[in-house]
Amino acid sequence: MSKLQEVFKNKSGNVLNVYCTAGYPHLESTLQIIDTLQKNGADIIELGMPYSDPLADGPVIQQSSLVALENGMTIATLFSQLKNLPSSTGDKEAAIILMGYMNPVLQYGFEKFCKDAAEVGVSGLILPDLPEYEYETEYGAIIKKCGLDFIFLVTPETSEERVRRLDLLSSGFLYAVSSSSTTGNEKDFNAVEKYLERLKSLNLKNPILVGFGIKDKETFNTACKYANGAIIGTAYIKALEGAANVEQATKKFLAGILK
């Protein structure tokens, strides 16, 4: 059982996944951010691998990616940093997943990427531009061989048949995008609730985490009424922007969500 799967075995509701861009706000911020997030309530840490053309990301995360790239963050650098991540004990150790795009992963070498990710303690992958067909025919076997979970995304426009198909292919959890827009946009949460009710009624095999538009205690708690938890990204990146002390900014942000 992967660390990611253990998270949901031990905690069926109110699971908090926090997204942060690796190498932001500074190249050496990543390990400090991971450590502070897991010590202050994050169950899953979603590390964004910066890319110059992040299609699913809104302007805030796009800008954080550009800053991280300017700081010198690469996949190789990230893996080198994660090798030095101290092991936590007990329930304070969060599962780490990587979110990114296929172009830099293919440049790194897909099988080498999966192998190296597993070796540094990564539990799962989110690659929004990896198509279902290519996953089934080529890349899925490599991901599974390396013991990694793979998370597919569904939207309000995804048909029930396709939702069930992507649920079967996913492991770890299913990522329920709250709308078809990019991250960081304001959402009509009344409409989102109806969508989440529909997903909940399908009795899928994977836990469901809701992402896009989760920004505070209210939206987190609303999402958790209908799903196993939620993903917060843009709001956290905003909290880090210009912060004099990354650790203090992270503690304050999580306290606002969880307390």
C-alpha atoms as a PDB file:
ATOM      1  CA  MET A   1       0.000   0.000   0.000  1.00  0.00           C
ATOM      2  CA  SER A   2       1.375   3.390  -0.986  1.00  0.00           C
ATOM      3  CA  LYS A   3       1.696   6.270   1.444  1.00  0.00           C
ATOM      4  CA  LEU A   4      -1.058   8.025  -0.497  1.00  0.00           C
ATOM      5  CA  GLN A   5      -3.406   5.085  -0.068  1.00  0.00           C
ATOM      6  CA  GLU A   6      -2.525   4.964   3.640  1.00  0.00           C
ATOM      7  CA  VAL A   7      -3.687   8.574   3.998  1.00  0.00           C
ATOM      8  CA  PHE A   8      -7.219   7.592   2.969  1.00  0.00           C
ATOM      9  CA  LYS A   9      -7.147   4.372   4.947  1.00  0.00           C
ATOM     10  CA  ASN A  10      -6.406   6.350   8.104  1.00  0.00           C
ATOM     11  CA  LYS A  11      -8.560   9.383   7.329  1.00  0.00           C
ATOM     12  CA  SER A  12     -11.758   9.075   5.284  1.00  0.00           C
ATOM     13  CA  GLY A  13     -12.807  12.727   5.412  1.00  0.00           C
ATOM     14  CA  ASN A  14     -11.465  16.285   5.517  1.00  0.00           C
ATOM     15  CA  VAL A  15      -8.255  15.251   3.764  1.00  0.00           C
ATOM     16  CA  LEU A  16      -6.217  18.347   2.939  1.00  0.00           C
ATOM     17  CA  ASN A  17      -4.004  18.328  -0.153  1.00  0.00           C
ATOM     18  CA  VAL A  18      -1.892  21.486  -0.488  1.00  0.00           C
ATOM     19  CA  TYR A  19      -0.305  22.369  -3.816  1.00  0.00           C
ATOM     20  CA  CYS A  20       2.970  24.258  -3.927  1.00  0.00           C
ATOM     21  CA  THR A  21       5.298  24.951  -6.839  1.00  0.00           C
ATOM     22  CA  ALA A  22       8.713  23.360  -6.327  1.00  0.00           C
ATOM     23  CA  GLY A  23      11.383  26.046  -6.212  1.00  0.00           C
ATOM     24  CA  TYR A  24       8.968  28.827  -5.201  1.00  0.00           C
ATOM     25  CA  PRO A  25       9.365  31.373  -3.746  1.00  0.00           C
ATOM     26  CA  HIS A  26      13.053  30.442  -3.610  1.00  0.00           C
ATOM     27  CA  LEU A  27      15.001  27.511  -5.043  1.00  0.00           C
ATOM     28  CA  GLU A  28      15.730  26.146  -1.572  1.00  0.00           C
ATOM     29  CA  SER A  29      12.206  26.704  -0.174  1.00  0.00           C
ATOM     30  CA  THR A  30      10.840  23.293  -1.117  1.00  0.00           C
ATOM     31  CA  LEU A  31      12.028  21.173   1.806  1.00  0.00           C
ATOM     32  CA  GLN A  32      11.110  23.818   4.372  1.00  0.00           C
ATOM     33  CA  ILE A  33       7.633  24.119   2.875  1.00  0.00           C
ATOM     34  CA  ILE A  34       7.116  20.345   2.854  1.00  0.00           C
ATOM     35  CA  ASP A  35       8.250  20.064   6.462  1.00  0.00           C
ATOM     36  CA  THR A  36       6.038  22.933   7.636  1.00  0.00           C
ATOM     37  CA  LEU A  37       2.993  21.742   5.700  1.00  0.00           C
ATOM     38  CA  GLN A  38       3.119  18.228   7.110  1.00  0.00           C
ATOM     39  CA  LYS A  39       3.717  19.443  10.662  1.00  0.00           C
ATOM     40  CA  ASN A  40       0.709  21.760  10.493  1.00  0.00           C
ATOM     41  CA  GLY A  41      -2.034  19.569   9.100  1.00  0.00           C
ATOM     42  CA  ALA A  42      -1.501  18.862   5.403  1.00  0.00           C
ATOM     43  CA  ASP A  43      -2.242  15.216   4.617  1.00  0.00           C
ATOM     44  CA  ILE A  44      -0.975  15.324   1.037  1.00  0.00           C
ATOM     45  CA  ILE A  45       1.583  17.669  -0.502  1.00  0.00           C
ATOM     46  CA  GLU A  46       1.228  18.181  -4.232  1.00  0.00           C
ATOM     47  CA  LEU A  47       4.505  19.474  -5.639  1.00  0.00           C
ATOM     48  CA  GLY A  48       4.133  21.295  -8.918  1.00  0.00           C
ATOM     49  CA  MET A  49       7.000  20.743 -11.324  1.00  0.00           C
ATOM     50  CA  PRO A  50       7.421  24.164 -12.952  1.00  0.00           C
ATOM     51  CA  TYR A  51       6.806  24.336 -16.678  1.00  0.00           C
ATOM     52  CA  SER A  52       6.740  27.251 -19.098  1.00  0.00           C
ATOM     53  CA  ASP A  53       3.329  26.358 -20.582  1.00  0.00           C
ATOM     54  CA  PRO A  54       1.110  25.006 -17.774  1.00  0.00           C
ATOM     55  CA  LEU A  55      -2.246  24.701 -19.544  1.00  0.00           C
ATOM     56  CA  ALA A  56      -4.431  23.869 -16.530  1.00  0.00           C
ATOM     57  CA  ASP A  57      -3.004  26.548 -14.272  1.00  0.00           C
ATOM     58  CA  GLY A  58      -4.259  30.060 -13.684  1.00  0.00           C
ATOM     59  CA  PRO A  59      -2.103  33.202 -13.629  1.00  0.00           C
ATOM     60  CA  VAL A  60      -0.958  32.908 -10.013  1.00  0.00           C
ATOM     61  CA  ILE A  61       0.425  29.387 -10.384  1.00  0.00           C
ATOM     62  CA  GLN A  62       1.756  30.200 -13.852  1.00  0.00           C
ATOM     63  CA  GLN A  63       3.709  33.092 -12.368  1.00  0.00           C
ATOM     64  CA  SER A  64       5.031  30.900  -9.550  1.00  0.00           C
ATOM     65  CA  SER A  65       6.229  28.418 -12.198  1.00  0.00           C
ATOM     66  CA  LEU A  66       8.072  31.153 -14.062  1.00  0.00           C
ATOM     67  CA  VAL A  67       9.719  32.311 -10.839  1.00  0.00           C
ATOM     68  CA  ALA A  68      10.707  28.744  -9.982  1.00  0.00           C
ATOM     69  CA  LEU A  69      12.209  28.234 -13.451  1.00  0.00           C
ATOM     70  CA  GLU A  70      14.136  31.492 -13.110  1.00  0.00           C
ATOM     71  CA  ASN A  71      15.335  30.251  -9.719  1.00  0.00           C
ATOM     72  CA  GLY A  72      16.804  27.226 -11.489  1.00  0.00           C
ATOM     73  CA  MET A  73      14.315  24.525 -10.497  1.00  0.00           C
ATOM     74  CA  THR A  74      14.366  21.415 -12.699  1.00  0.00           C
ATOM     75  CA  ILE A  75      13.125  17.865 -12.233  1.00  0.00           C
ATOM     76  CA  ALA A  76      16.683  16.718 -11.508  1.00  0.00           C
ATOM     77  CA  THR A  77      17.110  19.482  -8.914  1.00  0.00           C
ATOM     78  CA  LEU A  78      13.809  18.590  -7.278  1.00  0.00           C
ATOM     79  CA  PHE A  79      14.754  14.922  -6.971  1.00  0.00           C
ATOM     80  CA  SER A  80      18.112  15.931  -5.538  1.00  0.00           C
ATOM     81  CA  GLN A  81      16.350  18.033  -2.916  1.00  0.00           C
ATOM     82  CA  LEU A  82      13.826  15.315  -2.038  1.00  0.00           C
ATOM     83  CA  LYS A  83      16.684  12.892  -1.335  1.00  0.00           C
ATOM     84  CA  ASN A  84      17.487  15.134   1.628  1.00  0.00           C
ATOM     85  CA  LEU A  85      13.952  15.260   2.988  1.00  0.00           C
ATOM     86  CA  PRO A  86      14.102  14.086   6.592  1.00  0.00           C
ATOM     87  CA  SER A  87      11.699  11.267   7.458  1.00  0.00           C
ATOM     88  CA  SER A  88       8.922  12.279   9.826  1.00  0.00           C
ATOM     89  CA  THR A  89       7.238   9.855  12.159  1.00  0.00           C
ATOM     90  CA  GLY A  90       3.662   8.943  12.933  1.00  0.00           C
ATOM     91  CA  ASP A  91       0.704  10.806  11.519  1.00  0.00           C
ATOM     92  CA  LYS A  92       2.687  13.941  10.679  1.00  0.00           C
ATOM     93  CA  GLU A  93       4.222  12.444   7.553  1.00  0.00           C
ATOM     94  CA  ALA A  94       2.297  13.615   4.495  1.00  0.00           C
ATOM     95  CA  ALA A  95       2.110  11.773   1.195  1.00  0.00           C
ATOM     96  CA  ILE A  96       3.982  13.547  -1.595  1.00  0.00           C
ATOM     97  CA  ILE A  97       2.656  13.592  -5.139  1.00  0.00           C
ATOM     98  CA  LEU A  98       4.021  15.336  -8.222  1.00  0.00           C
ATOM     99  CA  MET A  99       1.912  17.409 -10.587  1.00  0.00           C
ATOM    100  CA  GLY A 100       3.267  18.463 -13.968  1.00  0.00           C
ATOM    101  CA  TYR A 101       3.198  18.132 -17.714  1.00  0.00           C
ATOM    102  CA  MET A 102       4.469  15.508 -20.101  1.00  0.00           C
ATOM    103  CA  ASN A 103       6.987  17.570 -22.079  1.00  0.00           C
ATOM    104  CA  PRO A 104       9.621  17.991 -19.340  1.00  0.00           C
ATOM    105  CA  VAL A 105       8.947  14.469 -18.045  1.00  0.00           C
ATOM    106  CA  LEU A 106       9.588  12.992 -21.490  1.00  0.00           C
ATOM    107  CA  GLN A 107      12.728  15.080 -21.822  1.00  0.00           C
ATOM    108  CA  TYR A 108      13.920  13.637 -18.519  1.00  0.00           C
ATOM    109  CA  GLY A 109      12.979  10.120 -19.669  1.00  0.00           C
ATOM    110  CA  PHE A 110       9.616   8.726 -18.572  1.00  0.00           C
ATOM    111  CA  GLU A 111      10.773   5.475 -17.005  1.00  0.00           C
ATOM    112  CA  LYS A 112      13.770   7.151 -15.355  1.00  0.00           C
ATOM    113  CA  PHE A 113      11.429   9.839 -14.034  1.00  0.00           C
ATOM    114  CA  CYS A 114       9.072   7.292 -12.460  1.00  0.00           C
ATOM    115  CA  LYS A 115      11.929   5.263 -11.001  1.00  0.00           C
ATOM    116  CA  ASP A 116      13.676   8.315  -9.561  1.00  0.00           C
ATOM    117  CA  ALA A 117      10.409   9.709  -8.186  1.00  0.00           C
ATOM    118  CA  ALA A 118       9.670   6.462  -6.353  1.00  0.00           C
ATOM    119  CA  GLU A 119      13.202   6.323  -4.965  1.00  0.00           C
ATOM    120  CA  VAL A 120      12.875   9.748  -3.307  1.00  0.00           C
ATOM    121  CA  GLY A 121       9.545   8.903  -1.682  1.00  0.00           C
ATOM    122  CA  VAL A 122       6.990  10.222  -4.140  1.00  0.00           C
ATOM    123  CA  SER A 123       3.672   8.349  -3.903  1.00  0.00           C
ATOM    124  CA  GLY A 124       1.783   9.423  -6.992  1.00  0.00           C
ATOM    125  CA  LEU A 125       1.576  11.490 -10.167  1.00  0.00           C
ATOM    126  CA  ILE A 126      -0.832  13.964 -11.742  1.00  0.00           C
ATOM    127  CA  LEU A 127      -0.062  14.609 -15.413  1.00  0.00           C
ATOM    128  CA  PRO A 128      -3.123  16.374 -16.874  1.00  0.00           C
ATOM    129  CA  ASP A 129      -1.921  16.151 -20.467  1.00  0.00           C
ATOM    130  CA  LEU A 130      -1.282  12.394 -20.422  1.00  0.00           C
ATOM    131  CA  PRO A 131      -4.228  11.007 -22.451  1.00  0.00           C
ATOM    132  CA  GLU A 132      -6.163   7.990 -21.273  1.00  0.00           C
ATOM    133  CA  TYR A 133      -5.198   5.941 -24.359  1.00  0.00           C
ATOM    134  CA  GLU A 134      -1.462   6.567 -23.965  1.00  0.00           C
ATOM    135  CA  TYR A 135      -1.744   5.774 -20.268  1.00  0.00           C
ATOM    136  CA  GLU A 136      -3.379   2.431 -21.009  1.00  0.00           C
ATOM    137  CA  THR A 137      -1.146   1.408 -23.904  1.00  0.00           C
ATOM    138  CA  GLU A 138       2.264   2.725 -22.892  1.00  0.00           C
ATOM    139  CA  TYR A 139       2.833   4.712 -19.728  1.00  0.00           C
ATOM    140  CA  GLY A 140       0.516   3.106 -17.187  1.00  0.00           C
ATOM    141  CA  ALA A 141       2.549  -0.101 -17.011  1.00  0.00           C
ATOM    142  CA  ILE A 142       5.709   1.877 -16.225  1.00  0.00           C
ATOM    143  CA  ILE A 143       3.950   3.896 -13.516  1.00  0.00           C
ATOM    144  CA  LYS A 144       2.592   0.736 -11.897  1.00  0.00           C
ATOM    145  CA  LYS A 145       5.930  -1.067 -12.144  1.00  0.00           C
ATOM    146  CA  CYS A 146       7.501   1.753 -10.141  1.00  0.00           C
ATOM    147  CA  GLY A 147       4.781   1.486  -7.480  1.00  0.00           C
ATOM    148  CA  LEU A 148       3.333   4.937  -8.115  1.00  0.00           C
ATOM    149  CA  ASP A 149      -0.323   5.935  -7.995  1.00  0.00           C
ATOM    150  CA  PHE A 150      -1.745   7.846 -10.932  1.00  0.00           C
ATOM    151  CA  ILE A 151      -4.547  10.371 -10.547  1.00  0.00           C
ATOM    152  CA  PHE A 152      -6.901  11.292 -13.393  1.00  0.00           C
ATOM    153  CA  LEU A 153      -9.000  14.459 -13.456  1.00  0.00           C
ATOM    154  CA  VAL A 154     -12.747  14.700 -14.063  1.00  0.00           C
ATOM    155  CA  THR A 155     -14.859  17.820 -14.610  1.00  0.00           C
ATOM    156  CA  PRO A 156     -18.580  18.701 -14.417  1.00  0.00           C
ATOM    157  CA  GLU A 157     -18.750  17.999 -18.154  1.00  0.00           C
ATOM    158  CA  THR A 158     -17.281  14.480 -17.891  1.00  0.00           C
ATOM    159  CA  SER A 159     -19.917  11.876 -18.683  1.00  0.00           C
ATOM    160  CA  GLU A 160     -20.828   9.236 -16.114  1.00  0.00           C
ATOM    161  CA  GLU A 161     -19.398   6.524 -18.346  1.00  0.00           C
ATOM    162  CA  ARG A 162     -16.066   8.325 -18.612  1.00  0.00           C
ATOM    163  CA  VAL A 163     -15.997   9.170 -14.905  1.00  0.00           C
ATOM    164  CA  ARG A 164     -16.357   5.473 -14.125  1.00  0.00           C
ATOM    165  CA  ARG A 165     -13.656   4.614 -16.664  1.00  0.00           C
ATOM    166  CA  LEU A 166     -11.176   7.131 -15.255  1.00  0.00           C
ATOM    167  CA  ASP A 167     -12.019   5.978 -11.734  1.00  0.00           C
ATOM    168  CA  LEU A 168     -11.071   2.415 -12.708  1.00  0.00           C
ATOM    169  CA  LEU A 169      -7.764   3.606 -14.175  1.00  0.00           C
ATOM    170  CA  SER A 170      -6.886   5.883 -11.247  1.00  0.00           C
ATOM    171  CA  SER A 171      -5.386   4.889  -7.942  1.00  0.00           C
ATOM    172  CA  GLY A 172      -4.814   6.961  -4.836  1.00  0.00           C
ATOM    173  CA  PHE A 173      -7.736   9.279  -5.504  1.00  0.00           C
ATOM    174  CA  LEU A 174      -9.827  10.838  -8.261  1.00  0.00           C
ATOM    175  CA  TYR A 175      -9.289  14.568  -8.823  1.00  0.00           C
ATOM    176  CA  ALA A 176     -12.653  16.310  -9.183  1.00  0.00           C
ATOM    177  CA  VAL A 177     -12.032  19.606 -10.936  1.00  0.00           C
ATOM    178  CA  SER A 178     -14.774  21.951  -9.745  1.00  0.00           C
ATOM    179  CA  SER A 179     -15.150  23.580 -13.172  1.00  0.00           C
ATOM    180  CA  SER A 180     -13.598  23.498 -16.624  1.00  0.00           C
ATOM    181  CA  SER A 181     -11.703  26.757 -16.113  1.00  0.00           C
ATOM    182  CA  THR A 182      -8.114  27.127 -14.969  1.00  0.00           C
ATOM    183  CA  THR A 183      -7.020  27.172 -11.340  1.00  0.00           C
ATOM    184  CA  GLY A 184      -7.576  30.293  -9.280  1.00  0.00           C
ATOM    185  CA  ASN A 185     -10.870  31.451 -10.823  1.00  0.00           C
ATOM    186  CA  GLU A 186     -13.891  32.263  -8.698  1.00  0.00           C
ATOM    187  CA  LYS A 187     -16.468  29.481  -8.663  1.00  0.00           C
ATOM    188  CA  ASP A 188     -20.244  29.378  -8.157  1.00  0.00           C
ATOM    189  CA  PHE A 189     -20.195  26.868  -5.335  1.00  0.00           C
ATOM    190  CA  ASN A 190     -23.937  26.189  -5.595  1.00  0.00           C
ATOM    191  CA  ALA A 191     -23.335  24.712  -9.034  1.00  0.00           C
ATOM    192  CA  VAL A 192     -20.246  22.926  -7.763  1.00  0.00           C
ATOM    193  CA  GLU A 193     -22.252  21.290  -4.977  1.00  0.00           C
ATOM    194  CA  LYS A 194     -24.678  19.731  -7.465  1.00  0.00           C
ATOM    195  CA  TYR A 195     -21.749  18.308  -9.425  1.00  0.00           C
ATOM    196  CA  LEU A 196     -20.150  16.885  -6.293  1.00  0.00           C
ATOM    197  CA  GLU A 197     -23.454  15.365  -5.212  1.00  0.00           C
ATOM    198  CA  ARG A 198     -23.603  13.596  -8.582  1.00  0.00           C
ATOM    199  CA  LEU A 199     -20.072  12.218  -8.165  1.00  0.00           C
ATOM    200  CA  LYS A 200     -20.804  11.058  -4.630  1.00  0.00           C
ATOM    201  CA  SER A 201     -23.891   9.183  -5.839  1.00  0.00           C
ATOM    202  CA  LEU A 202     -21.785   7.103  -8.248  1.00  0.00           C
ATOM    203  CA  ASN A 203     -20.102   5.197  -5.380  1.00  0.00           C
ATOM    204  CA  LEU A 204     -16.721   5.202  -7.100  1.00  0.00           C
ATOM    205  CA  LYS A 205     -13.830   2.978  -6.004  1.00  0.00           C
ATOM    206  CA  ASN A 206     -11.423   5.848  -5.353  1.00  0.00           C
ATOM    207  CA  PRO A 207     -11.673   8.592  -2.766  1.00  0.00           C
ATOM    208  CA  ILE A 208     -12.518  11.981  -4.311  1.00  0.00           C
ATOM    209  CA  LEU A 209     -10.617  15.216  -3.744  1.00  0.00           C
ATOM    210  CA  VAL A 210     -12.010  18.491  -5.051  1.00  0.00           C
ATOM    211  CA  GLY A 211      -9.725  21.065  -6.634  1.00  0.00           C
ATOM    212  CA  PHE A 212      -9.910  24.479  -8.373  1.00  0.00           C
ATOM    213  CA  GLY A 213     -11.575  27.245  -6.340  1.00  0.00           C
ATOM    214  CA  ILE A 214     -10.882  25.911  -2.835  1.00  0.00           C
ATOM    215  CA  LYS A 215      -9.378  28.894  -1.059  1.00  0.00           C
ATOM    216  CA  ASP A 216     -10.495  29.153   2.579  1.00  0.00           C
ATOM    217  CA  LYS A 217     -12.126  27.355   5.495  1.00  0.00           C
ATOM    218  CA  GLU A 218     -15.632  27.815   4.063  1.00  0.00           C
ATOM    219  CA  THR A 219     -14.927  26.375   0.617  1.00  0.00           C
ATOM    220  CA  PHE A 220     -12.800  23.581   2.116  1.00  0.00           C
ATOM    221  CA  ASN A 221     -15.591  22.542   4.497  1.00  0.00           C
ATOM    222  CA  THR A 222     -18.208  22.736   1.726  1.00  0.00           C
ATOM    223  CA  ALA A 223     -16.133  20.515  -0.540  1.00  0.00           C
ATOM    224  CA  CYS A 224     -15.623  18.029   2.280  1.00  0.00           C
ATOM    225  CA  LYS A 225     -19.391  17.600   2.675  1.00  0.00           C
ATOM    226  CA  TYR A 226     -19.462  15.831  -0.668  1.00  0.00           C
ATOM    227  CA  ALA A 227     -15.940  14.458  -1.062  1.00  0.00           C
ATOM    228  CA  ASN A 228     -13.129  12.948   0.984  1.00  0.00           C
ATOM    229  CA  GLY A 229     -11.247  16.215   0.980  1.00  0.00           C
ATOM    230  CA  ALA A 230      -9.998  19.092  -1.109  1.00  0.00           C
ATOM    231  CA  ILE A 231      -6.970  20.555  -2.848  1.00  0.00           C
ATOM    232  CA  ILE A 232      -5.794  24.101  -2.216  1.00  0.00           C
ATOM    233  CA  GLY A 233      -3.232  25.667  -4.542  1.00  0.00           C
ATOM    234  CA  THR A 234      -3.653  29.245  -5.741  1.00  0.00           C
ATOM    235  CA  ALA A 235      -4.627  30.604  -2.324  1.00  0.00           C
ATOM    236  CA  TYR A 236      -1.524  29.066  -0.753  1.00  0.00           C
ATOM    237  CA  ILE A 237       0.770  30.397  -3.478  1.00  0.00           C
ATOM    238  CA  LYS A 238      -0.712  33.860  -2.822  1.00  0.00           C
ATOM    239  CA  ALA A 239       0.041  33.429   0.886  1.00  0.00           C
ATOM    240  CA  LEU A 240       3.685  32.699   0.070  1.00  0.00           C
ATOM    241  CA  GLU A 241       4.035  35.589  -2.359  1.00  0.00           C
ATOM    242  CA  GLY A 242       6.277  38.199  -0.784  1.00  0.00           C
ATOM    243  CA  ALA A 243       6.297  36.399   2.586  1.00  0.00           C
ATOM    244  CA  ALA A 244       9.319  37.328   4.678  1.00  0.00           C
ATOM    245  CA  ASN A 245       9.122  33.994   6.490  1.00  0.00           C
ATOM    246  CA  VAL A 246       7.826  30.965   4.557  1.00  0.00           C
ATOM    247  CA  GLU A 247       7.323  28.884   7.701  1.00  0.00           C
ATOM    248  CA  GLN A 248       5.240  31.519   9.468  1.00  0.00           C
ATOM    249  CA  ALA A 249       3.182  32.219   6.339  1.00  0.00           C
ATOM    250  CA  THR A 250       2.459  28.497   5.955  1.00  0.00           C
ATOM    251  CA  LYS A 251       1.443  28.047   9.602  1.00  0.00           C
ATOM    252  CA  LYS A 252      -0.887  31.052   9.434  1.00  0.00           C
ATOM    253  CA  PHE A 253      -2.461  29.867   6.185  1.00  0.00           C
ATOM    254  CA  LEU A 254      -3.146  26.319   7.414  1.00  0.00           C
ATOM    255  CA  ALA A 255      -4.521  27.592  10.718  1.00  0.00           C
ATOM    256  CA  GLY A 256      -7.057  29.626   8.735  1.00  0.00           C
ATOM    257  CA  ILE A 257      -8.197  26.501   6.911  1.00  0.00           C
ATOM    258  CA  LEU A 258      -8.191  23.904   9.671  1.00  0.00           C
ATOM    259  CA  LYS A 259      -9.047  25.799  12.885  1.00  0.00           C
END
